[in-house]
Amino acid sequence: MRKLEWTDPALQDLDAIDAWLSTEADADVAVRMLTAIRLRADFLLDFPGGGPPISDTDSHSLRVRRTPYTLVYRLLGDERIEILRIHHAAQDWRGE
């Protein structure tokens, strides 16, 4: 059975998104976005190759549908998926 792991930077991203949404968005919108992020991460448990590889890295990216967010993740063997970061579409994160 595959396991999903969140790195500290990814959890910090999630906290930052939550904090921003709690002050700038309607509560329903905030819940929908955070739920969408978590569900999209869970999608990787069944479809670990669901996101295209990021060139010159061992990472993949996966858009979170109906949100401006992208998950960056990597596969650790056949059984582990590590969520590395969560980026907003407006961020220039490809150089990281």
N, C-alpha and C. Protein backbone atom coordinates (compact mmCIF):
# COMPACT_ATOMS: atom_id res chain seq x y z
N MET A 1 0.84 -1.19 0.00
CA MET A 1 0.00 0.00 0.00
C MET A 1 0.88 1.25 0.00
N ARG A 2 0.60 2.16 -0.91
CA ARG A 2 1.38 3.38 -0.99
C ARG A 2 1.10 4.31 0.19
N LYS A 3 2.12 5.09 0.50
CA LYS A 3 2.02 6.04 1.60
C LYS A 3 2.36 7.43 1.08
N LEU A 4 1.58 8.40 1.50
CA LEU A 4 1.78 9.80 1.14
C LEU A 4 2.48 10.49 2.30
N GLU A 5 3.57 11.18 2.01
CA GLU A 5 4.33 11.90 3.03
C GLU A 5 4.44 13.37 2.63
N TRP A 6 4.26 14.24 3.60
CA TRP A 6 4.36 15.69 3.38
C TRP A 6 5.65 16.18 4.02
N THR A 7 6.50 16.86 3.26
CA THR A 7 7.71 17.44 3.83
C THR A 7 7.33 18.66 4.68
N ASP A 8 8.25 19.08 5.53
CA ASP A 8 8.00 20.29 6.33
C ASP A 8 7.72 21.50 5.45
N PRO A 9 8.50 21.73 4.37
CA PRO A 9 8.18 22.88 3.51
C PRO A 9 6.77 22.79 2.90
N ALA A 10 6.32 21.60 2.53
CA ALA A 10 4.97 21.45 1.97
C ALA A 10 3.91 21.75 3.03
N LEU A 11 4.13 21.31 4.25
CA LEU A 11 3.19 21.61 5.34
C LEU A 11 3.18 23.10 5.66
N GLN A 12 4.35 23.74 5.57
CA GLN A 12 4.41 25.19 5.77
C GLN A 12 3.65 25.90 4.65
N ASP A 13 3.79 25.40 3.41
CA ASP A 13 3.02 25.98 2.30
C ASP A 13 1.53 25.86 2.58
N LEU A 14 1.11 24.69 3.04
CA LEU A 14 -0.31 24.46 3.33
C LEU A 14 -0.80 25.40 4.43
N ASP A 15 0.01 25.58 5.46
CA ASP A 15 -0.35 26.52 6.54
C ASP A 15 -0.44 27.95 6.02
N ALA A 16 0.49 28.34 5.15
CA ALA A 16 0.48 29.69 4.60
C ALA A 16 -0.75 29.92 3.72
N ILE A 17 -1.10 28.90 2.94
CA ILE A 17 -2.30 29.00 2.11
C ILE A 17 -3.53 29.14 3.00
N ASP A 18 -3.61 28.33 4.03
CA ASP A 18 -4.73 28.39 4.97
C ASP A 18 -4.81 29.77 5.62
N ALA A 19 -3.68 30.29 6.07
CA ALA A 19 -3.66 31.60 6.73
C ALA A 19 -4.11 32.69 5.77
N TRP A 20 -3.63 32.65 4.53
CA TRP A 20 -4.02 33.67 3.56
C TRP A 20 -5.51 33.58 3.24
N LEU A 21 -5.98 32.35 3.00
CA LEU A 21 -7.39 32.16 2.67
C LEU A 21 -8.31 32.58 3.82
N SER A 22 -7.87 32.35 5.05
CA SER A 22 -8.72 32.68 6.19
C SER A 22 -8.94 34.18 6.34
N THR A 23 -8.02 34.98 5.80
CA THR A 23 -8.20 36.43 5.89
C THR A 23 -8.70 37.05 4.58
N GLU A 24 -8.44 36.40 3.46
CA GLU A 24 -8.73 37.01 2.17
C GLU A 24 -9.89 36.38 1.40
N ALA A 25 -10.37 35.23 1.84
CA ALA A 25 -11.42 34.54 1.08
C ALA A 25 -12.58 34.17 1.98
N ASP A 26 -13.69 33.91 1.36
CA ASP A 26 -14.87 33.41 2.05
C ASP A 26 -14.53 32.05 2.67
N ALA A 27 -15.11 31.73 3.81
CA ALA A 27 -14.82 30.47 4.49
C ALA A 27 -15.09 29.26 3.61
N ASP A 28 -16.17 29.30 2.83
CA ASP A 28 -16.48 28.18 1.94
C ASP A 28 -15.41 28.00 0.88
N VAL A 29 -14.90 29.10 0.35
CA VAL A 29 -13.85 29.03 -0.66
C VAL A 29 -12.59 28.44 -0.05
N ALA A 30 -12.25 28.86 1.15
CA ALA A 30 -11.06 28.35 1.83
C ALA A 30 -11.16 26.85 2.03
N VAL A 31 -12.29 26.39 2.51
CA VAL A 31 -12.48 24.95 2.74
C VAL A 31 -12.39 24.19 1.43
N ARG A 32 -13.01 24.71 0.37
CA ARG A 32 -12.97 24.03 -0.93
C ARG A 32 -11.54 23.93 -1.46
N MET A 33 -10.77 25.00 -1.34
CA MET A 33 -9.40 24.98 -1.86
C MET A 33 -8.52 24.02 -1.08
N LEU A 34 -8.59 24.08 0.23
CA LEU A 34 -7.76 23.20 1.05
C LEU A 34 -8.16 21.74 0.85
N THR A 35 -9.44 21.49 0.72
CA THR A 35 -9.92 20.14 0.45
C THR A 35 -9.43 19.67 -0.91
N ALA A 36 -9.48 20.54 -1.91
CA ALA A 36 -9.02 20.19 -3.25
C ALA A 36 -7.54 19.83 -3.24
N ILE A 37 -6.74 20.56 -2.49
CA ILE A 37 -5.30 20.27 -2.40
C ILE A 37 -5.08 18.88 -1.80
N ARG A 38 -5.76 18.60 -0.71
CA ARG A 38 -5.58 17.29 -0.06
C ARG A 38 -6.09 16.14 -0.93
N LEU A 39 -7.23 16.34 -1.60
CA LEU A 39 -7.77 15.29 -2.47
C LEU A 39 -6.86 15.04 -3.67
N ARG A 40 -6.28 16.11 -4.20
CA ARG A 40 -5.38 15.93 -5.34
C ARG A 40 -4.13 15.18 -4.92
N ALA A 41 -3.64 15.46 -3.71
CA ALA A 41 -2.50 14.69 -3.20
C ALA A 41 -2.89 13.23 -3.04
N ASP A 42 -4.07 12.96 -2.51
CA ASP A 42 -4.54 11.58 -2.35
C ASP A 42 -4.68 10.87 -3.70
N PHE A 43 -4.98 11.61 -4.76
CA PHE A 43 -5.07 11.06 -6.11
C PHE A 43 -3.78 10.33 -6.48
N LEU A 44 -2.66 10.85 -5.99
CA LEU A 44 -1.36 10.26 -6.31
C LEU A 44 -1.19 8.86 -5.73
N LEU A 45 -1.94 8.52 -4.71
CA LEU A 45 -1.85 7.17 -4.15
C LEU A 45 -2.28 6.13 -5.17
N ASP A 46 -3.25 6.46 -6.00
CA ASP A 46 -3.71 5.54 -7.04
C ASP A 46 -2.99 5.77 -8.37
N PHE A 47 -2.54 7.00 -8.60
CA PHE A 47 -1.92 7.34 -9.87
C PHE A 47 -0.62 8.12 -9.62
N PRO A 48 0.42 7.44 -9.12
CA PRO A 48 1.65 8.15 -8.76
C PRO A 48 2.35 8.83 -9.93
N GLY A 49 2.10 8.36 -11.14
CA GLY A 49 2.67 9.01 -12.31
C GLY A 49 1.74 10.03 -12.91
N GLY A 50 0.77 10.50 -12.15
CA GLY A 50 -0.26 11.39 -12.65
C GLY A 50 0.23 12.75 -13.08
N GLY A 51 1.34 13.18 -12.57
CA GLY A 51 1.87 14.49 -12.95
C GLY A 51 3.12 14.33 -13.79
N PRO A 52 3.32 15.23 -14.74
CA PRO A 52 4.50 15.12 -15.60
C PRO A 52 5.78 15.40 -14.83
N PRO A 53 6.87 14.79 -15.27
CA PRO A 53 8.17 15.06 -14.63
C PRO A 53 8.58 16.52 -14.86
N ILE A 54 9.29 17.05 -13.91
CA ILE A 54 9.89 18.37 -14.04
C ILE A 54 11.29 18.13 -14.58
N SER A 55 11.59 18.72 -15.71
CA SER A 55 12.86 18.44 -16.39
C SER A 55 14.06 18.67 -15.48
N ASP A 56 15.03 17.80 -15.65
CA ASP A 56 16.31 17.84 -14.92
C ASP A 56 16.17 17.65 -13.41
N THR A 57 15.07 17.04 -12.97
CA THR A 57 14.89 16.75 -11.55
C THR A 57 14.28 15.36 -11.41
N ASP A 58 14.17 14.89 -10.19
CA ASP A 58 13.47 13.64 -9.92
C ASP A 58 12.04 13.92 -9.45
N SER A 59 11.58 15.15 -9.66
CA SER A 59 10.27 15.58 -9.17
C SER A 59 9.24 15.62 -10.29
N HIS A 60 7.98 15.67 -9.88
CA HIS A 60 6.84 15.80 -10.79
C HIS A 60 5.98 16.97 -10.31
N SER A 61 5.15 17.49 -11.20
CA SER A 61 4.20 18.53 -10.81
C SER A 61 2.79 18.05 -11.14
N LEU A 62 1.85 18.46 -10.34
CA LEU A 62 0.45 18.09 -10.55
C LEU A 62 -0.43 19.26 -10.19
N ARG A 63 -1.16 19.77 -11.18
CA ARG A 63 -2.08 20.89 -10.94
C ARG A 63 -3.23 20.44 -10.05
N VAL A 64 -3.61 21.30 -9.14
CA VAL A 64 -4.79 21.06 -8.31
C VAL A 64 -5.96 21.70 -9.03
N ARG A 65 -6.84 20.88 -9.52
CA ARG A 65 -7.96 21.36 -10.33
C ARG A 65 -8.80 22.40 -9.60
N ARG A 66 -9.25 23.38 -10.37
CA ARG A 66 -10.10 24.47 -9.88
C ARG A 66 -9.45 25.33 -8.80
N THR A 67 -8.12 25.32 -8.78
CA THR A 67 -7.37 26.18 -7.87
C THR A 67 -6.16 26.71 -8.63
N PRO A 68 -5.49 27.70 -8.09
CA PRO A 68 -4.25 28.18 -8.73
C PRO A 68 -3.00 27.45 -8.22
N TYR A 69 -3.17 26.30 -7.61
CA TYR A 69 -2.05 25.62 -6.97
C TYR A 69 -1.55 24.40 -7.74
N THR A 70 -0.25 24.14 -7.55
CA THR A 70 0.42 22.98 -8.13
C THR A 70 1.18 22.26 -7.03
N LEU A 71 1.02 20.95 -6.98
CA LEU A 71 1.80 20.13 -6.06
C LEU A 71 3.09 19.73 -6.74
N VAL A 72 4.18 19.79 -6.02
CA VAL A 72 5.45 19.27 -6.50
C VAL A 72 5.76 18.07 -5.62
N TYR A 73 6.02 16.94 -6.27
CA TYR A 73 6.21 15.71 -5.51
C TYR A 73 7.27 14.84 -6.17
N ARG A 74 7.70 13.82 -5.43
CA ARG A 74 8.61 12.83 -6.00
C ARG A 74 8.22 11.45 -5.50
N LEU A 75 8.59 10.49 -6.29
CA LEU A 75 8.34 9.09 -5.95
C LEU A 75 9.56 8.54 -5.25
N LEU A 76 9.32 7.89 -4.14
CA LEU A 76 10.39 7.25 -3.38
C LEU A 76 10.13 5.75 -3.42
N GLY A 77 10.67 5.09 -4.42
CA GLY A 77 10.38 3.68 -4.63
C GLY A 77 8.97 3.51 -5.13
N ASP A 78 8.44 2.32 -4.96
CA ASP A 78 7.08 2.02 -5.42
C ASP A 78 6.01 2.33 -4.38
N GLU A 79 6.41 2.56 -3.14
CA GLU A 79 5.44 2.63 -2.06
C GLU A 79 5.29 3.99 -1.39
N ARG A 80 6.17 4.94 -1.73
CA ARG A 80 6.11 6.23 -1.04
C ARG A 80 6.06 7.39 -2.03
N ILE A 81 5.23 8.35 -1.72
CA ILE A 81 5.11 9.58 -2.50
C ILE A 81 5.33 10.73 -1.53
N GLU A 82 6.26 11.58 -1.87
CA GLU A 82 6.62 12.69 -1.00
C GLU A 82 6.18 14.01 -1.63
N ILE A 83 5.28 14.71 -0.96
CA ILE A 83 4.86 16.04 -1.40
C ILE A 83 5.94 17.01 -0.94
N LEU A 84 6.60 17.65 -1.90
CA LEU A 84 7.72 18.52 -1.59
C LEU A 84 7.29 19.96 -1.32
N ARG A 85 6.41 20.49 -2.17
CA ARG A 85 5.97 21.88 -2.05
C ARG A 85 4.58 22.03 -2.65
N ILE A 86 3.95 23.14 -2.34
CA ILE A 86 2.69 23.56 -2.97
C ILE A 86 2.93 24.98 -3.45
N HIS A 87 2.80 25.19 -4.75
CA HIS A 87 3.09 26.50 -5.32
C HIS A 87 1.84 27.11 -5.95
N HIS A 88 1.74 28.42 -5.84
CA HIS A 88 0.69 29.19 -6.50
C HIS A 88 1.13 29.44 -7.94
N ALA A 89 0.18 29.50 -8.85
CA ALA A 89 0.48 29.70 -10.27
C ALA A 89 1.27 31.00 -10.51
N ALA A 90 1.10 31.98 -9.66
CA ALA A 90 1.80 33.26 -9.84
C ALA A 90 3.26 33.20 -9.40
N GLN A 91 3.65 32.14 -8.72
CA GLN A 91 5.03 32.02 -8.25
C GLN A 91 5.93 31.50 -9.35
N ASP A 92 7.16 31.99 -9.39
CA ASP A 92 8.18 31.48 -10.30
C ASP A 92 9.00 30.46 -9.52
N TRP A 93 8.58 29.21 -9.56
CA TRP A 93 9.19 28.18 -8.72
C TRP A 93 10.02 27.18 -9.51
N ARG A 94 10.04 27.26 -10.82
CA ARG A 94 10.76 26.28 -11.63
C ARG A 94 12.27 26.30 -11.40
N GLY A 95 12.80 27.39 -10.91
CA GLY A 95 14.25 27.48 -10.70
C GLY A 95 14.71 26.91 -9.38
N GLU A 96 13.79 26.44 -8.55
CA GLU A 96 14.18 25.93 -7.21
C GLU A 96 14.97 24.66 -7.31
